[in-house]
Amino acid sequence: MNPLVRSQLEQLETALQALAEMLAETHSRLEKEQEDKERALQEYWNSGRKATVLQETVDKLHGVIRENERLKARQEEVRQHTLLLLEYAHSLAGEFEK
């Protein structure tokens, strides 16, 4: 084989090997970037779900707080009414003792 052709073929083979290595490296890097992208997307969706759950919890909490305030007010009404009944009972007991 002609030495010039042989040299050209060897250079071509070397260049092809270098290209194959670069392609393999690029492919590996692309796979890693794809995995990173998938992970970031998953984190994004998870954070969105968490935000939704937190918002729902806050909304429910507001309702619970309102209900708690209503029940506290009702409890105070019942307490005042009970104190009034107790006062009447003491008055009646005093009248019966006379």
PDB file of N, CA and C in Angstrom:
ATOM      1  N   MET A   1       0.843  -1.165   0.000  1.00  0.00           N
ATOM      2  CA  MET A   1       0.000   0.000   0.000  1.00  0.00           C
ATOM      3  C   MET A   1       0.889   1.229   0.000  1.00  0.00           C
ATOM      4  N   ASN A   2       0.437   2.194  -0.692  1.00  0.00           N
ATOM      5  CA  ASN A   2       1.161   3.446  -0.816  1.00  0.00           C
ATOM      6  C   ASN A   2       1.314   4.056   0.583  1.00  0.00           C
ATOM      7  N   PRO A   3       2.549   4.461   0.960  1.00  0.00           N
ATOM      8  CA  PRO A   3       2.778   5.021   2.293  1.00  0.00           C
ATOM      9  C   PRO A   3       1.952   6.279   2.542  1.00  0.00           C
ATOM     10  N   LEU A   4       1.740   7.078   1.536  1.00  0.00           N
ATOM     11  CA  LEU A   4       0.951   8.296   1.698  1.00  0.00           C
ATOM     12  C   LEU A   4      -0.511   7.943   1.999  1.00  0.00           C
ATOM     13  N   VAL A   5      -1.040   6.966   1.270  1.00  0.00           N
ATOM     14  CA  VAL A   5      -2.418   6.521   1.490  1.00  0.00           C
ATOM     15  C   VAL A   5      -2.533   5.899   2.874  1.00  0.00           C
ATOM     16  N   ARG A   6      -1.515   5.061   3.225  1.00  0.00           N
ATOM     17  CA  ARG A   6      -1.515   4.420   4.548  1.00  0.00           C
ATOM     18  C   ARG A   6      -1.527   5.493   5.647  1.00  0.00           C
ATOM     19  N   SER A   7      -0.700   6.499   5.496  1.00  0.00           N
ATOM     20  CA  SER A   7      -0.613   7.586   6.468  1.00  0.00           C
ATOM     21  C   SER A   7      -1.948   8.315   6.566  1.00  0.00           C
ATOM     22  N   GLN A   8      -2.540   8.576   5.409  1.00  0.00           N
ATOM     23  CA  GLN A   8      -3.843   9.254   5.382  1.00  0.00           C
ATOM     24  C   GLN A   8      -4.910   8.398   6.086  1.00  0.00           C
ATOM     25  N   LEU A   9      -4.884   7.083   5.814  1.00  0.00           N
ATOM     26  CA  LEU A   9      -5.857   6.183   6.443  1.00  0.00           C
ATOM     27  C   LEU A   9      -5.649   6.114   7.957  1.00  0.00           C
ATOM     28  N   GLU A  10      -4.381   6.095   8.380  1.00  0.00           N
ATOM     29  CA  GLU A  10      -4.087   6.065   9.818  1.00  0.00           C
ATOM     30  C   GLU A  10      -4.558   7.351  10.492  1.00  0.00           C
ATOM     31  N   GLN A  11      -4.342   8.467   9.820  1.00  0.00           N
ATOM     32  CA  GLN A  11      -4.801   9.742  10.367  1.00  0.00           C
ATOM     33  C   GLN A  11      -6.331   9.774  10.436  1.00  0.00           C
ATOM     34  N   LEU A  12      -6.935   9.230   9.382  1.00  0.00           N
ATOM     35  CA  LEU A  12      -8.392   9.172   9.349  1.00  0.00           C
ATOM     36  C   LEU A  12      -8.912   8.268  10.472  1.00  0.00           C
ATOM     37  N   GLU A  13      -8.243   7.131  10.686  1.00  0.00           N
ATOM     38  CA  GLU A  13      -8.640   6.208  11.748  1.00  0.00           C
ATOM     39  C   GLU A  13      -8.489   6.871  13.125  1.00  0.00           C
ATOM     40  N   THR A  14      -7.390   7.579  13.309  1.00  0.00           N
ATOM     41  CA  THR A  14      -7.155   8.291  14.572  1.00  0.00           C
ATOM     42  C   THR A  14      -8.229   9.354  14.787  1.00  0.00           C
ATOM     43  N   ALA A  15      -8.535  10.080  13.724  1.00  0.00           N
ATOM     44  CA  ALA A  15      -9.562  11.116  13.820  1.00  0.00           C
ATOM     45  C   ALA A  15     -10.924  10.497  14.124  1.00  0.00           C
ATOM     46  N   LEU A  16     -11.222   9.348  13.506  1.00  0.00           N
ATOM     47  CA  LEU A  16     -12.497   8.672  13.757  1.00  0.00           C
ATOM     48  C   LEU A  16     -12.574   8.172  15.198  1.00  0.00           C
ATOM     49  N   GLN A  17     -11.468   7.659  15.715  1.00  0.00           N
ATOM     50  CA  GLN A  17     -11.448   7.207  17.111  1.00  0.00           C
ATOM     51  C   GLN A  17     -11.682   8.388  18.061  1.00  0.00           C
ATOM     52  N   ALA A  18     -11.012   9.502  17.775  1.00  0.00           N
ATOM     53  CA  ALA A  18     -11.190  10.698  18.604  1.00  0.00           C
ATOM     54  C   ALA A  18     -12.643  11.170  18.525  1.00  0.00           C
ATOM     55  N   LEU A  19     -13.205  11.133  17.318  1.00  0.00           N
ATOM     56  CA  LEU A  19     -14.595  11.533  17.139  1.00  0.00           C
ATOM     57  C   LEU A  19     -15.531  10.592  17.895  1.00  0.00           C
ATOM     58  N   ALA A  20     -15.247   9.292  17.833  1.00  0.00           N
ATOM     59  CA  ALA A  20     -16.072   8.313  18.546  1.00  0.00           C
ATOM     60  C   ALA A  20     -16.003   8.552  20.053  1.00  0.00           C
ATOM     61  N   GLU A  21     -14.813   8.863  20.556  1.00  0.00           N
ATOM     62  CA  GLU A  21     -14.661   9.147  21.986  1.00  0.00           C
ATOM     63  C   GLU A  21     -15.424  10.413  22.373  1.00  0.00           C
ATOM     64  N   MET A  22     -15.329  11.434  21.518  1.00  0.00           N
ATOM     65  CA  MET A  22     -16.048  12.677  21.792  1.00  0.00           C
ATOM     66  C   MET A  22     -17.556  12.446  21.771  1.00  0.00           C
ATOM     67  N   LEU A  23     -18.014  11.635  20.807  1.00  0.00           N
ATOM     68  CA  LEU A  23     -19.444  11.336  20.730  1.00  0.00           C
ATOM     69  C   LEU A  23     -19.906  10.561  21.962  1.00  0.00           C
ATOM     70  N   ALA A  24     -19.101   9.597  22.407  1.00  0.00           N
ATOM     71  CA  ALA A  24     -19.450   8.825  23.602  1.00  0.00           C
ATOM     72  C   ALA A  24     -19.502   9.740  24.829  1.00  0.00           C
ATOM     73  N   GLU A  25     -18.521  10.634  24.922  1.00  0.00           N
ATOM     74  CA  GLU A  25     -18.485  11.575  26.041  1.00  0.00           C
ATOM     75  C   GLU A  25     -19.690  12.517  25.996  1.00  0.00           C
ATOM     76  N   THR A  26     -20.001  13.001  24.805  1.00  0.00           N
ATOM     77  CA  THR A  26     -21.146  13.894  24.638  1.00  0.00           C
ATOM     78  C   THR A  26     -22.443  13.169  24.977  1.00  0.00           C
ATOM     79  N   HIS A  27     -22.549  11.921  24.531  1.00  0.00           N
ATOM     80  CA  HIS A  27     -23.738  11.123  24.823  1.00  0.00           C
ATOM     81  C   HIS A  27     -23.881  10.929  26.334  1.00  0.00           C
ATOM     82  N   SER A  28     -22.783  10.633  26.990  1.00  0.00           N
ATOM     83  CA  SER A  28     -22.797  10.448  28.440  1.00  0.00           C
ATOM     84  C   SER A  28     -23.226  11.733  29.148  1.00  0.00           C
ATOM     85  N   ARG A  29     -22.684  12.852  28.692  1.00  0.00           N
ATOM     86  CA  ARG A  29     -23.029  14.145  29.279  1.00  0.00           C
ATOM     87  C   ARG A  29     -24.510  14.472  29.048  1.00  0.00           C
ATOM     88  N   LEU A  30     -25.004  14.170  27.854  1.00  0.00           N
ATOM     89  CA  LEU A  30     -26.419  14.412  27.553  1.00  0.00           C
ATOM     90  C   LEU A  30     -27.333  13.561  28.435  1.00  0.00           C
ATOM     91  N   GLU A  31     -26.934  12.306  28.663  1.00  0.00           N
ATOM     92  CA  GLU A  31     -27.725  11.442  29.539  1.00  0.00           C
ATOM     93  C   GLU A  31     -27.771  12.012  30.953  1.00  0.00           C
ATOM     94  N   LYS A  32     -26.616  12.482  31.435  1.00  0.00           N
ATOM     95  CA  LYS A  32     -26.560  13.070  32.775  1.00  0.00           C
ATOM     96  C   LYS A  32     -27.423  14.324  32.840  1.00  0.00           C
ATOM     97  N   GLU A  33     -27.342  15.162  31.818  1.00  0.00           N
ATOM     98  CA  GLU A  33     -28.155  16.377  31.796  1.00  0.00           C
ATOM     99  C   GLU A  33     -29.641  16.044  31.737  1.00  0.00           C
ATOM    100  N   GLN A  34     -29.982  14.995  31.006  1.00  0.00           N
ATOM    101  CA  GLN A  34     -31.379  14.563  30.941  1.00  0.00           C
ATOM    102  C   GLN A  34     -31.850  14.095  32.321  1.00  0.00           C
ATOM    103  N   GLU A  35     -31.005  13.337  33.022  1.00  0.00           N
ATOM    104  CA  GLU A  35     -31.346  12.890  34.369  1.00  0.00           C
ATOM    105  C   GLU A  35     -31.512  14.087  35.304  1.00  0.00           C
ATOM    106  N   ASP A  36     -30.608  15.064  35.186  1.00  0.00           N
ATOM    107  CA  ASP A  36     -30.700  16.272  36.010  1.00  0.00           C
ATOM    108  C   ASP A  36     -31.991  17.032  35.712  1.00  0.00           C
ATOM    109  N   LYS A  37     -32.337  17.096  34.429  1.00  0.00           N
ATOM    110  CA  LYS A  37     -33.567  17.781  34.027  1.00  0.00           C
ATOM    111  C   LYS A  37     -34.786  17.060  34.603  1.00  0.00           C
ATOM    112  N   GLU A  38     -34.784  15.734  34.523  1.00  0.00           N
ATOM    113  CA  GLU A  38     -35.895  14.938  35.062  1.00  0.00           C
ATOM    114  C   GLU A  38     -36.018  15.161  36.571  1.00  0.00           C
ATOM    115  N   ARG A  39     -34.883  15.165  37.249  1.00  0.00           N
ATOM    116  CA  ARG A  39     -34.871  15.368  38.697  1.00  0.00           C
ATOM    117  C   ARG A  39     -35.413  16.766  39.045  1.00  0.00           C
ATOM    118  N   ALA A  40     -34.957  17.772  38.313  1.00  0.00           N
ATOM    119  CA  ALA A  40     -35.420  19.143  38.558  1.00  0.00           C
ATOM    120  C   ALA A  40     -36.919  19.263  38.295  1.00  0.00           C
ATOM    121  N   LEU A  41     -37.388  18.622  37.233  1.00  0.00           N
ATOM    122  CA  LEU A  41     -38.812  18.651  36.919  1.00  0.00           C
ATOM    123  C   LEU A  41     -39.622  17.966  38.016  1.00  0.00           C
ATOM    124  N   GLN A  42     -39.117  16.840  38.503  1.00  0.00           N
ATOM    125  CA  GLN A  42     -39.787  16.120  39.589  1.00  0.00           C
ATOM    126  C   GLN A  42     -39.854  16.990  40.847  1.00  0.00           C
ATOM    127  N   GLU A  43     -38.750  17.659  41.159  1.00  0.00           N
ATOM    128  CA  GLU A  43     -38.725  18.552  42.323  1.00  0.00           C
ATOM    129  C   GLU A  43     -39.714  19.699  42.143  1.00  0.00           C
ATOM    130  N   TYR A  44     -39.794  20.211  40.922  1.00  0.00           N
ATOM    131  CA  TYR A  44     -40.735  21.300  40.633  1.00  0.00           C
ATOM    132  C   TYR A  44     -42.170  20.850  40.893  1.00  0.00           C
ATOM    133  N   TRP A  45     -42.531  19.674  40.366  1.00  0.00           N
ATOM    134  CA  TRP A  45     -43.898  19.184  40.552  1.00  0.00           C
ATOM    135  C   TRP A  45     -44.162  18.868  42.021  1.00  0.00           C
ATOM    136  N   ASN A  46     -43.168  18.303  42.709  1.00  0.00           N
ATOM    137  CA  ASN A  46     -43.338  18.006  44.133  1.00  0.00           C
ATOM    138  C   ASN A  46     -43.551  19.284  44.932  1.00  0.00           C
ATOM    139  N   SER A  47     -42.789  20.321  44.608  1.00  0.00           N
ATOM    140  CA  SER A  47     -42.951  21.584  45.336  1.00  0.00           C
ATOM    141  C   SER A  47     -44.319  22.191  45.039  1.00  0.00           C
ATOM    142  N   GLY A  48     -44.798  22.034  43.815  1.00  0.00           N
ATOM    143  CA  GLY A  48     -46.137  22.518  43.473  1.00  0.00           C
ATOM    144  C   GLY A  48     -47.207  21.785  44.259  1.00  0.00           C
ATOM    145  N   ARG A  49     -47.047  20.469  44.378  1.00  0.00           N
ATOM    146  CA  ARG A  49     -48.010  19.686  45.160  1.00  0.00           C
ATOM    147  C   ARG A  49     -47.975  20.107  46.626  1.00  0.00           C
ATOM    148  N   LYS A  50     -46.764  20.289  47.141  1.00  0.00           N
ATOM    149  CA  LYS A  50     -46.629  20.705  48.540  1.00  0.00           C
ATOM    150  C   LYS A  50     -47.283  22.065  48.760  1.00  0.00           C
ATOM    151  N   ALA A  51     -47.094  22.969  47.832  1.00  0.00           N
ATOM    152  CA  ALA A  51     -47.703  24.299  47.954  1.00  0.00           C
ATOM    153  C   ALA A  51     -49.224  24.184  47.953  1.00  0.00           C
ATOM    154  N   THR A  52     -49.760  23.319  47.117  1.00  0.00           N
ATOM    155  CA  THR A  52     -51.210  23.121  47.062  1.00  0.00           C
ATOM    156  C   THR A  52     -51.723  22.557  48.382  1.00  0.00           C
ATOM    157  N   VAL A  53     -51.016  21.559  48.904  1.00  0.00           N
ATOM    158  CA  VAL A  53     -51.420  20.956  50.178  1.00  0.00           C
ATOM    159  C   VAL A  53     -51.343  21.988  51.298  1.00  0.00           C
ATOM    160  N   LEU A  54     -50.276  22.780  51.302  1.00  0.00           N
ATOM    161  CA  LEU A  54     -50.145  23.816  52.328  1.00  0.00           C
ATOM    162  C   LEU A  54     -51.274  24.840  52.226  1.00  0.00           C
ATOM    163  N   GLN A  55     -51.626  25.235  51.017  1.00  0.00           N
ATOM    164  CA  GLN A  55     -52.714  26.200  50.836  1.00  0.00           C
ATOM    165  C   GLN A  55     -54.033  25.620  51.325  1.00  0.00           C
ATOM    166  N   GLU A  56     -54.290  24.350  50.999  1.00  0.00           N
ATOM    167  CA  GLU A  56     -55.515  23.705  51.466  1.00  0.00           C
ATOM    168  C   GLU A  56     -55.536  23.645  52.991  1.00  0.00           C
ATOM    169  N   THR A  57     -54.391  23.349  53.587  1.00  0.00           N
ATOM    170  CA  THR A  57     -54.297  23.282  55.045  1.00  0.00           C
ATOM    171  C   THR A  57     -54.563  24.645  55.671  1.00  0.00           C
ATOM    172  N   VAL A  58     -54.000  25.687  55.078  1.00  0.00           N
ATOM    173  CA  VAL A  58     -54.227  27.044  55.587  1.00  0.00           C
ATOM    174  C   VAL A  58     -55.707  27.405  55.468  1.00  0.00           C
ATOM    175  N   ASP A  59     -56.315  27.068  54.342  1.00  0.00           N
ATOM    176  CA  ASP A  59     -57.741  27.354  54.166  1.00  0.00           C
ATOM    177  C   ASP A  59     -58.575  26.632  55.227  1.00  0.00           C
ATOM    178  N   LYS A  60     -58.257  25.364  55.475  1.00  0.00           N
ATOM    179  CA  LYS A  60     -58.979  24.603  56.497  1.00  0.00           C
ATOM    180  C   LYS A  60     -58.724  25.198  57.879  1.00  0.00           C
ATOM    181  N   LEU A  61     -57.490  25.625  58.114  1.00  0.00           N
ATOM    182  CA  LEU A  61     -57.139  26.201  59.410  1.00  0.00           C
ATOM    183  C   LEU A  61     -57.962  27.453  59.686  1.00  0.00           C
ATOM    184  N   HIS A  62     -58.153  28.280  58.669  1.00  0.00           N
ATOM    185  CA  HIS A  62     -58.976  29.480  58.850  1.00  0.00           C
ATOM    186  C   HIS A  62     -60.397  29.093  59.269  1.00  0.00           C
ATOM    187  N   GLY A  63     -60.935  28.062  58.653  1.00  0.00           N
ATOM    188  CA  GLY A  63     -62.272  27.592  59.021  1.00  0.00           C
ATOM    189  C   GLY A  63     -62.311  27.065  60.446  1.00  0.00           C
ATOM    190  N   VAL A  64     -61.285  26.333  60.826  1.00  0.00           N
ATOM    191  CA  VAL A  64     -61.217  25.781  62.181  1.00  0.00           C
ATOM    192  C   VAL A  64     -61.100  26.912  63.204  1.00  0.00           C
ATOM    193  N   ILE A  65     -60.306  27.921  62.886  1.00  0.00           N
ATOM    194  CA  ILE A  65     -60.150  29.062  63.794  1.00  0.00           C
ATOM    195  C   ILE A  65     -61.484  29.792  63.964  1.00  0.00           C
ATOM    196  N   ARG A  66     -62.201  29.998  62.873  1.00  0.00           N
ATOM    197  CA  ARG A  66     -63.516  30.655  62.963  1.00  0.00           C
ATOM    198  C   ARG A  66     -64.485  29.822  63.812  1.00  0.00           C
ATOM    199  N   GLU A  67     -64.483  28.514  63.580  1.00  0.00           N
ATOM    200  CA  GLU A  67     -65.355  27.627  64.356  1.00  0.00           C
ATOM    201  C   GLU A  67     -64.959  27.656  65.830  1.00  0.00           C
ATOM    202  N   ASN A  68     -63.675  27.692  66.100  1.00  0.00           N
ATOM    203  CA  ASN A  68     -63.188  27.755  67.475  1.00  0.00           C
ATOM    204  C   ASN A  68     -63.661  29.040  68.159  1.00  0.00           C
ATOM    205  N   GLU A  69     -63.574  30.152  67.451  1.00  0.00           N
ATOM    206  CA  GLU A  69     -64.040  31.424  68.008  1.00  0.00           C
ATOM    207  C   GLU A  69     -65.544  31.384  68.272  1.00  0.00           C
ATOM    208  N   ARG A  70     -66.290  30.794  67.360  1.00  0.00           N
ATOM    209  CA  ARG A  70     -67.742  30.676  67.540  1.00  0.00           C
ATOM    210  C   ARG A  70     -68.052  29.822  68.769  1.00  0.00           C
ATOM    211  N   LEU A  71     -67.318  28.713  68.916  1.00  0.00           N
ATOM    212  CA  LEU A  71     -67.555  27.832  70.060  1.00  0.00           C
ATOM    213  C   LEU A  71     -67.135  28.488  71.374  1.00  0.00           C
ATOM    214  N   LYS A  72     -66.074  29.276  71.341  1.00  0.00           N
ATOM    215  CA  LYS A  72     -65.661  30.006  72.549  1.00  0.00           C
ATOM    216  C   LYS A  72     -66.753  30.987  72.969  1.00  0.00           C
ATOM    217  N   ALA A  73     -67.312  31.696  71.984  1.00  0.00           N
ATOM    218  CA  ALA A  73     -68.383  32.648  72.281  1.00  0.00           C
ATOM    219  C   ALA A  73     -69.592  31.914  72.856  1.00  0.00           C
ATOM    220  N   ARG A  74     -69.932  30.787  72.256  1.00  0.00           N
ATOM    221  CA  ARG A  74     -71.075  29.991  72.742  1.00  0.00           C
ATOM    222  C   ARG A  74     -70.797  29.470  74.150  1.00  0.00           C
ATOM    223  N   GLN A  75     -69.580  29.040  74.393  1.00  0.00           N
ATOM    224  CA  GLN A  75     -69.209  28.553  75.717  1.00  0.00           C
ATOM    225  C   GLN A  75     -69.336  29.682  76.753  1.00  0.00           C
ATOM    226  N   GLU A  76     -68.930  30.875  76.381  1.00  0.00           N
ATOM    227  CA  GLU A  76     -69.049  32.024  77.292  1.00  0.00           C
ATOM    228  C   GLU A  76     -70.518  32.335  77.572  1.00  0.00           C
ATOM    229  N   GLU A  77     -71.374  32.245  76.560  1.00  0.00           N
ATOM    230  CA  GLU A  77     -72.813  32.449  76.762  1.00  0.00           C
ATOM    231  C   GLU A  77     -73.367  31.424  77.747  1.00  0.00           C
ATOM    232  N   VAL A  78     -72.978  30.164  77.547  1.00  0.00           N
ATOM    233  CA  VAL A  78     -73.449  29.089  78.430  1.00  0.00           C
ATOM    234  C   VAL A  78     -72.930  29.319  79.847  1.00  0.00           C
ATOM    235  N   ARG A  79     -71.689  29.751  79.981  1.00  0.00           N
ATOM    236  CA  ARG A  79     -71.106  30.006  81.298  1.00  0.00           C
ATOM    237  C   ARG A  79     -71.869  31.127  82.010  1.00  0.00           C
ATOM    238  N   GLN A  80     -72.139  32.204  81.266  1.00  0.00           N
ATOM    239  CA  GLN A  80     -72.886  33.321  81.855  1.00  0.00           C
ATOM    240  C   GLN A  80     -74.290  32.873  82.273  1.00  0.00           C
ATOM    241  N   HIS A  81     -74.922  32.086  81.433  1.00  0.00           N
ATOM    242  CA  HIS A  81     -76.263  31.582  81.739  1.00  0.00           C
ATOM    243  C   HIS A  81     -76.213  30.674  82.971  1.00  0.00           C
ATOM    244  N   THR A  82     -75.191  29.842  83.060  1.00  0.00           N
ATOM    245  CA  THR A  82     -75.033  28.942  84.206  1.00  0.00           C
ATOM    246  C   THR A  82     -74.814  29.744  85.488  1.00  0.00           C
ATOM    247  N   LEU A  83     -73.993  30.781  85.407  1.00  0.00           N
ATOM    248  CA  LEU A  83     -73.771  31.633  86.581  1.00  0.00           C
ATOM    249  C   LEU A  83     -75.072  32.303  87.025  1.00  0.00           C
ATOM    250  N   LEU A  84     -75.863  32.736  86.064  1.00  0.00           N
ATOM    251  CA  LEU A  84     -77.151  33.351  86.377  1.00  0.00           C
ATOM    252  C   LEU A  84     -78.079  32.337  87.050  1.00  0.00           C
ATOM    253  N   LEU A  85     -78.116  31.109  86.512  1.00  0.00           N
ATOM    254  CA  LEU A  85     -78.939  30.058  87.122  1.00  0.00           C
ATOM    255  C   LEU A  85     -78.456  29.741  88.532  1.00  0.00           C
ATOM    256  N   LEU A  86     -77.155  29.717  88.719  1.00  0.00           N
ATOM    257  CA  LEU A  86     -76.588  29.456  90.034  1.00  0.00           C
ATOM    258  C   LEU A  86     -76.976  30.566  91.015  1.00  0.00           C
ATOM    259  N   GLU A  87     -76.947  31.789  90.540  1.00  0.00           N
ATOM    260  CA  GLU A  87     -77.351  32.929  91.363  1.00  0.00           C
ATOM    261  C   GLU A  87     -78.824  32.807  91.747  1.00  0.00           C
ATOM    262  N   TYR A  88     -79.670  32.430  90.783  1.00  0.00           N
ATOM    263  CA  TYR A  88     -81.091  32.223  91.077  1.00  0.00           C
ATOM    264  C   TYR A  88     -81.278  31.095  92.087  1.00  0.00           C
ATOM    265  N   ALA A  89     -80.515  30.027  91.923  1.00  0.00           N
ATOM    266  CA  ALA A  89     -80.623  28.887  92.838  1.00  0.00           C
ATOM    267  C   ALA A  89     -80.244  29.307  94.254  1.00  0.00           C
ATOM    268  N   HIS A  90     -79.196  30.107  94.396  1.00  0.00           N
ATOM    269  CA  HIS A  90     -78.794  30.587  95.717  1.00  0.00           C
ATOM    270  C   HIS A  90     -79.879  31.488  96.307  1.00  0.00           C
ATOM    271  N   SER A  91     -80.459  32.328  95.473  1.00  0.00           N
ATOM    272  CA  SER A  91     -81.537  33.212  95.946  1.00  0.00           C
ATOM    273  C   SER A  91     -82.732  32.396  96.412  1.00  0.00           C
ATOM    274  N   LEU A  92     -83.106  31.386  95.622  1.00  0.00           N
ATOM    275  CA  LEU A  92     -84.234  30.532  95.995  1.00  0.00           C
ATOM    276  C   LEU A  92     -83.930  29.763  97.271  1.00  0.00           C
ATOM    277  N   ALA A  93     -82.715  29.265  97.379  1.00  0.00           N
ATOM    278  CA  ALA A  93     -82.334  28.523  98.583  1.00  0.00           C
ATOM    279  C   ALA A  93     -82.407  29.441  99.795  1.00  0.00           C
ATOM    280  N   GLY A  94     -81.984  30.689  99.621  1.00  0.00           N
ATOM    281  CA  GLY A  94     -82.064  31.658 100.718  1.00  0.00           C
ATOM    282  C   GLY A  94     -83.498  31.941 101.106  1.00  0.00           C
ATOM    283  N   GLU A  95     -84.395  32.020 100.134  1.00  0.00           N
ATOM    284  CA  GLU A  95     -85.810  32.272 100.404  1.00  0.00           C
ATOM    285  C   GLU A  95     -86.444  31.092 101.134  1.00  0.00           C
ATOM    286  N   PHE A  96     -86.070  29.870 100.767  1.00  0.00           N
ATOM    287  CA  PHE A  96     -86.644  28.690 101.415  1.00  0.00           C
ATOM    288  C   PHE A  96     -86.131  28.543 102.838  1.00  0.00           C
ATOM    289  N   GLU A  97     -84.933  29.011 103.113  1.00  0.00           N
ATOM    290  CA  GLU A  97     -84.370  28.888 104.448  1.00  0.00           C
ATOM    291  C   GLU A  97     -85.011  29.878 105.410  1.00  0.00           C
ATOM    292  N   LYS A  98     -85.630  30.926 104.946  1.00  0.00           N
ATOM    293  CA  LYS A  98     -86.248  31.943 105.805  1.00  0.00           C
ATOM    294  C   LYS A  98     -87.472  31.455 106.453  1.00  0.00           C
TER     295      LYS A  98
END
